[in-house]
Amino acid sequence: MAILSFIDRVVGGPQAPIDVEADAIIRAFFKRYPDAAYRMTKLAMSLSEQVEKEPARARPRGWLAGLIEGRSGAG
């Protein structure tokens, strides 16, 4: 349930346009290494939990903050 909740938070709301070239690279990578999607999701969840525990001044900015807070196109 935690994974589903995290993914819903990340992909929900307004989305920035997809970089087609980057998307193709990512899809090819995940096709070659199928377990990478799981591992990257768990890493992102772990980073998100760490950021939520940190004081506001230590929070990341830009695209990483957008990912962790469930927004796209932050920056």
N, C-alpha and C. Protein backbone atom coordinates (compact mmCIF):
# COMPACT_ATOMS: atom_id res chain seq x y z
N MET A 1 0.82 -1.19 0.00
CA MET A 1 0.00 0.00 0.00
C MET A 1 0.86 1.26 0.00
N ALA A 2 2.01 1.21 0.68
CA ALA A 2 2.88 2.37 0.74
C ALA A 2 3.41 2.73 -0.64
N ILE A 3 3.74 1.71 -1.43
CA ILE A 3 4.24 1.96 -2.79
C ILE A 3 3.14 2.60 -3.63
N LEU A 4 1.93 2.07 -3.56
CA LEU A 4 0.82 2.64 -4.35
C LEU A 4 0.54 4.08 -3.94
N SER A 5 0.56 4.35 -2.66
CA SER A 5 0.33 5.71 -2.17
C SER A 5 1.42 6.66 -2.66
N PHE A 6 2.67 6.21 -2.60
CA PHE A 6 3.78 7.04 -3.05
C PHE A 6 3.66 7.34 -4.54
N ILE A 7 3.39 6.32 -5.34
CA ILE A 7 3.28 6.51 -6.79
C ILE A 7 2.11 7.43 -7.11
N ASP A 8 0.98 7.26 -6.44
CA ASP A 8 -0.16 8.16 -6.65
C ASP A 8 0.23 9.61 -6.36
N ARG A 9 0.99 9.82 -5.29
CA ARG A 9 1.42 11.17 -4.92
C ARG A 9 2.36 11.75 -5.97
N VAL A 10 3.27 10.94 -6.49
CA VAL A 10 4.25 11.41 -7.47
C VAL A 10 3.61 11.73 -8.81
N VAL A 11 2.69 10.90 -9.27
CA VAL A 11 2.11 11.11 -10.60
C VAL A 11 0.82 11.91 -10.59
N GLY A 12 0.29 12.20 -9.42
CA GLY A 12 -0.95 12.95 -9.33
C GLY A 12 -0.74 14.43 -9.60
N GLY A 13 -1.79 15.09 -9.95
CA GLY A 13 -1.73 16.53 -10.17
C GLY A 13 -1.16 16.91 -11.52
N PRO A 14 -0.91 18.20 -11.70
CA PRO A 14 -0.39 18.69 -12.98
C PRO A 14 0.98 18.07 -13.28
N GLN A 15 1.19 17.77 -14.53
CA GLN A 15 2.45 17.13 -14.94
C GLN A 15 3.17 17.99 -15.97
N ALA A 16 4.47 18.04 -15.83
CA ALA A 16 5.30 18.72 -16.83
C ALA A 16 5.36 17.84 -18.08
N PRO A 17 5.61 18.45 -19.23
CA PRO A 17 5.75 17.64 -20.44
C PRO A 17 6.89 16.63 -20.30
N ILE A 18 6.72 15.50 -20.93
CA ILE A 18 7.74 14.45 -20.86
C ILE A 18 8.82 14.73 -21.89
N ASP A 19 10.06 14.63 -21.45
CA ASP A 19 11.22 14.70 -22.34
C ASP A 19 11.27 13.37 -23.08
N VAL A 20 10.94 13.37 -24.34
CA VAL A 20 10.79 12.13 -25.11
C VAL A 20 12.09 11.34 -25.16
N GLU A 21 13.21 12.01 -25.33
CA GLU A 21 14.50 11.32 -25.40
C GLU A 21 14.84 10.67 -24.06
N ALA A 22 14.66 11.41 -22.97
CA ALA A 22 14.92 10.86 -21.65
C ALA A 22 13.99 9.70 -21.35
N ASP A 23 12.72 9.84 -21.72
CA ASP A 23 11.75 8.78 -21.50
C ASP A 23 12.16 7.50 -22.24
N ALA A 24 12.64 7.63 -23.46
CA ALA A 24 13.08 6.47 -24.24
C ALA A 24 14.27 5.78 -23.57
N ILE A 25 15.19 6.57 -23.05
CA ILE A 25 16.36 6.00 -22.36
C ILE A 25 15.92 5.26 -21.11
N ILE A 26 15.04 5.87 -20.33
CA ILE A 26 14.56 5.24 -19.10
C ILE A 26 13.81 3.95 -19.41
N ARG A 27 12.92 3.98 -20.40
CA ARG A 27 12.17 2.78 -20.77
C ARG A 27 13.09 1.66 -21.23
N ALA A 28 14.11 1.99 -22.02
CA ALA A 28 15.07 0.98 -22.47
C ALA A 28 15.84 0.39 -21.29
N PHE A 29 16.20 1.25 -20.35
CA PHE A 29 16.92 0.79 -19.16
C PHE A 29 16.06 -0.17 -18.35
N PHE A 30 14.80 0.22 -18.12
CA PHE A 30 13.91 -0.64 -17.33
C PHE A 30 13.60 -1.94 -18.06
N LYS A 31 13.58 -1.91 -19.38
CA LYS A 31 13.36 -3.14 -20.14
C LYS A 31 14.57 -4.08 -19.98
N ARG A 32 15.76 -3.48 -19.99
CA ARG A 32 16.98 -4.28 -19.85
C ARG A 32 17.15 -4.78 -18.41
N TYR A 33 16.77 -3.95 -17.45
CA TYR A 33 16.91 -4.29 -16.02
C TYR A 33 15.54 -4.17 -15.36
N PRO A 34 14.69 -5.18 -15.48
CA PRO A 34 13.31 -5.08 -14.99
C PRO A 34 13.18 -4.76 -13.50
N ASP A 35 14.14 -5.17 -12.69
CA ASP A 35 14.03 -4.90 -11.26
C ASP A 35 14.43 -3.46 -10.91
N ALA A 36 14.93 -2.70 -11.87
CA ALA A 36 15.35 -1.33 -11.61
C ALA A 36 14.17 -0.45 -11.19
N ALA A 37 13.00 -0.66 -11.75
CA ALA A 37 11.84 0.17 -11.39
C ALA A 37 11.52 0.00 -9.90
N TYR A 38 11.55 -1.22 -9.42
CA TYR A 38 11.30 -1.48 -8.00
C TYR A 38 12.37 -0.80 -7.15
N ARG A 39 13.63 -1.01 -7.52
CA ARG A 39 14.73 -0.46 -6.72
C ARG A 39 14.72 1.07 -6.71
N MET A 40 14.42 1.67 -7.84
CA MET A 40 14.38 3.13 -7.90
C MET A 40 13.19 3.68 -7.12
N THR A 41 12.06 2.99 -7.17
CA THR A 41 10.90 3.42 -6.40
C THR A 41 11.20 3.36 -4.90
N LYS A 42 11.82 2.29 -4.46
CA LYS A 42 12.16 2.17 -3.04
C LYS A 42 13.17 3.24 -2.64
N LEU A 43 14.13 3.55 -3.51
CA LEU A 43 15.09 4.61 -3.22
C LEU A 43 14.38 5.95 -3.11
N ALA A 44 13.49 6.24 -4.05
CA ALA A 44 12.75 7.51 -4.02
C ALA A 44 11.90 7.60 -2.76
N MET A 45 11.28 6.50 -2.36
CA MET A 45 10.47 6.50 -1.14
C MET A 45 11.35 6.79 0.08
N SER A 46 12.52 6.18 0.12
CA SER A 46 13.44 6.38 1.22
C SER A 46 13.90 7.84 1.29
N LEU A 47 14.24 8.41 0.14
CA LEU A 47 14.65 9.81 0.09
C LEU A 47 13.51 10.72 0.53
N SER A 48 12.30 10.39 0.11
CA SER A 48 11.14 11.18 0.47
C SER A 48 10.94 11.17 1.99
N GLU A 49 11.08 10.00 2.58
CA GLU A 49 10.92 9.89 4.04
C GLU A 49 11.99 10.70 4.76
N GLN A 50 13.24 10.66 4.26
CA GLN A 50 14.32 11.41 4.88
C GLN A 50 14.05 12.91 4.81
N VAL A 51 13.58 13.37 3.65
CA VAL A 51 13.31 14.80 3.47
C VAL A 51 12.19 15.25 4.40
N GLU A 52 11.17 14.42 4.56
CA GLU A 52 10.06 14.78 5.43
C GLU A 52 10.51 14.93 6.89
N LYS A 53 11.56 14.24 7.27
CA LYS A 53 12.08 14.31 8.64
C LYS A 53 13.04 15.47 8.84
N GLU A 54 13.59 16.01 7.75
CA GLU A 54 14.57 17.08 7.82
C GLU A 54 13.88 18.42 8.06
N PRO A 55 14.60 19.35 8.69
CA PRO A 55 14.05 20.70 8.81
C PRO A 55 13.92 21.34 7.42
N ALA A 56 13.04 22.33 7.31
CA ALA A 56 12.75 22.97 6.02
C ALA A 56 14.01 23.49 5.35
N ARG A 57 14.98 24.00 6.08
CA ARG A 57 16.18 24.57 5.46
C ARG A 57 17.04 23.51 4.78
N ALA A 58 16.88 22.24 5.15
CA ALA A 58 17.69 21.18 4.56
C ALA A 58 16.97 20.50 3.40
N ARG A 59 15.79 20.93 3.08
CA ARG A 59 15.02 20.28 2.01
C ARG A 59 15.61 20.59 0.65
N PRO A 60 15.56 19.62 -0.25
CA PRO A 60 16.07 19.86 -1.60
C PRO A 60 15.18 20.84 -2.36
N ARG A 61 15.76 21.46 -3.37
CA ARG A 61 15.02 22.39 -4.21
C ARG A 61 15.00 21.86 -5.63
N GLY A 62 14.18 22.45 -6.46
CA GLY A 62 14.16 22.10 -7.87
C GLY A 62 13.43 20.81 -8.15
N TRP A 63 13.91 20.07 -9.13
CA TRP A 63 13.20 18.88 -9.60
C TRP A 63 13.10 17.81 -8.53
N LEU A 64 14.12 17.67 -7.66
CA LEU A 64 14.07 16.64 -6.62
C LEU A 64 12.96 16.97 -5.63
N ALA A 65 12.86 18.23 -5.26
CA ALA A 65 11.79 18.62 -4.34
C ALA A 65 10.43 18.36 -4.97
N GLY A 66 10.30 18.66 -6.27
CA GLY A 66 9.05 18.42 -6.96
C GLY A 66 8.69 16.95 -6.97
N LEU A 67 9.68 16.09 -7.19
CA LEU A 67 9.44 14.65 -7.20
C LEU A 67 8.97 14.18 -5.83
N ILE A 68 9.68 14.61 -4.81
CA ILE A 68 9.39 14.17 -3.46
C ILE A 68 8.04 14.70 -2.98
N GLU A 69 7.70 15.91 -3.37
CA GLU A 69 6.44 16.51 -2.94
C GLU A 69 5.29 16.16 -3.87
N GLY A 70 5.56 15.37 -4.92
CA GLY A 70 4.50 14.94 -5.81
C GLY A 70 4.14 15.93 -6.87
N ARG A 71 5.07 16.82 -7.22
CA ARG A 71 4.83 17.80 -8.27
C ARG A 71 5.80 17.53 -9.39
N SER A 72 5.45 17.93 -10.58
CA SER A 72 6.35 17.87 -11.73
C SER A 72 6.60 19.28 -12.21
N GLY A 73 7.75 19.46 -12.81
CA GLY A 73 8.07 20.75 -13.39
C GLY A 73 8.54 21.76 -12.37
N ALA A 74 8.87 21.32 -11.15
CA ALA A 74 9.38 22.26 -10.15
C ALA A 74 10.78 22.68 -10.57
N GLY A 75 11.16 23.88 -10.23
CA GLY A 75 12.51 24.25 -10.56
C GLY A 75 12.60 25.65 -10.74
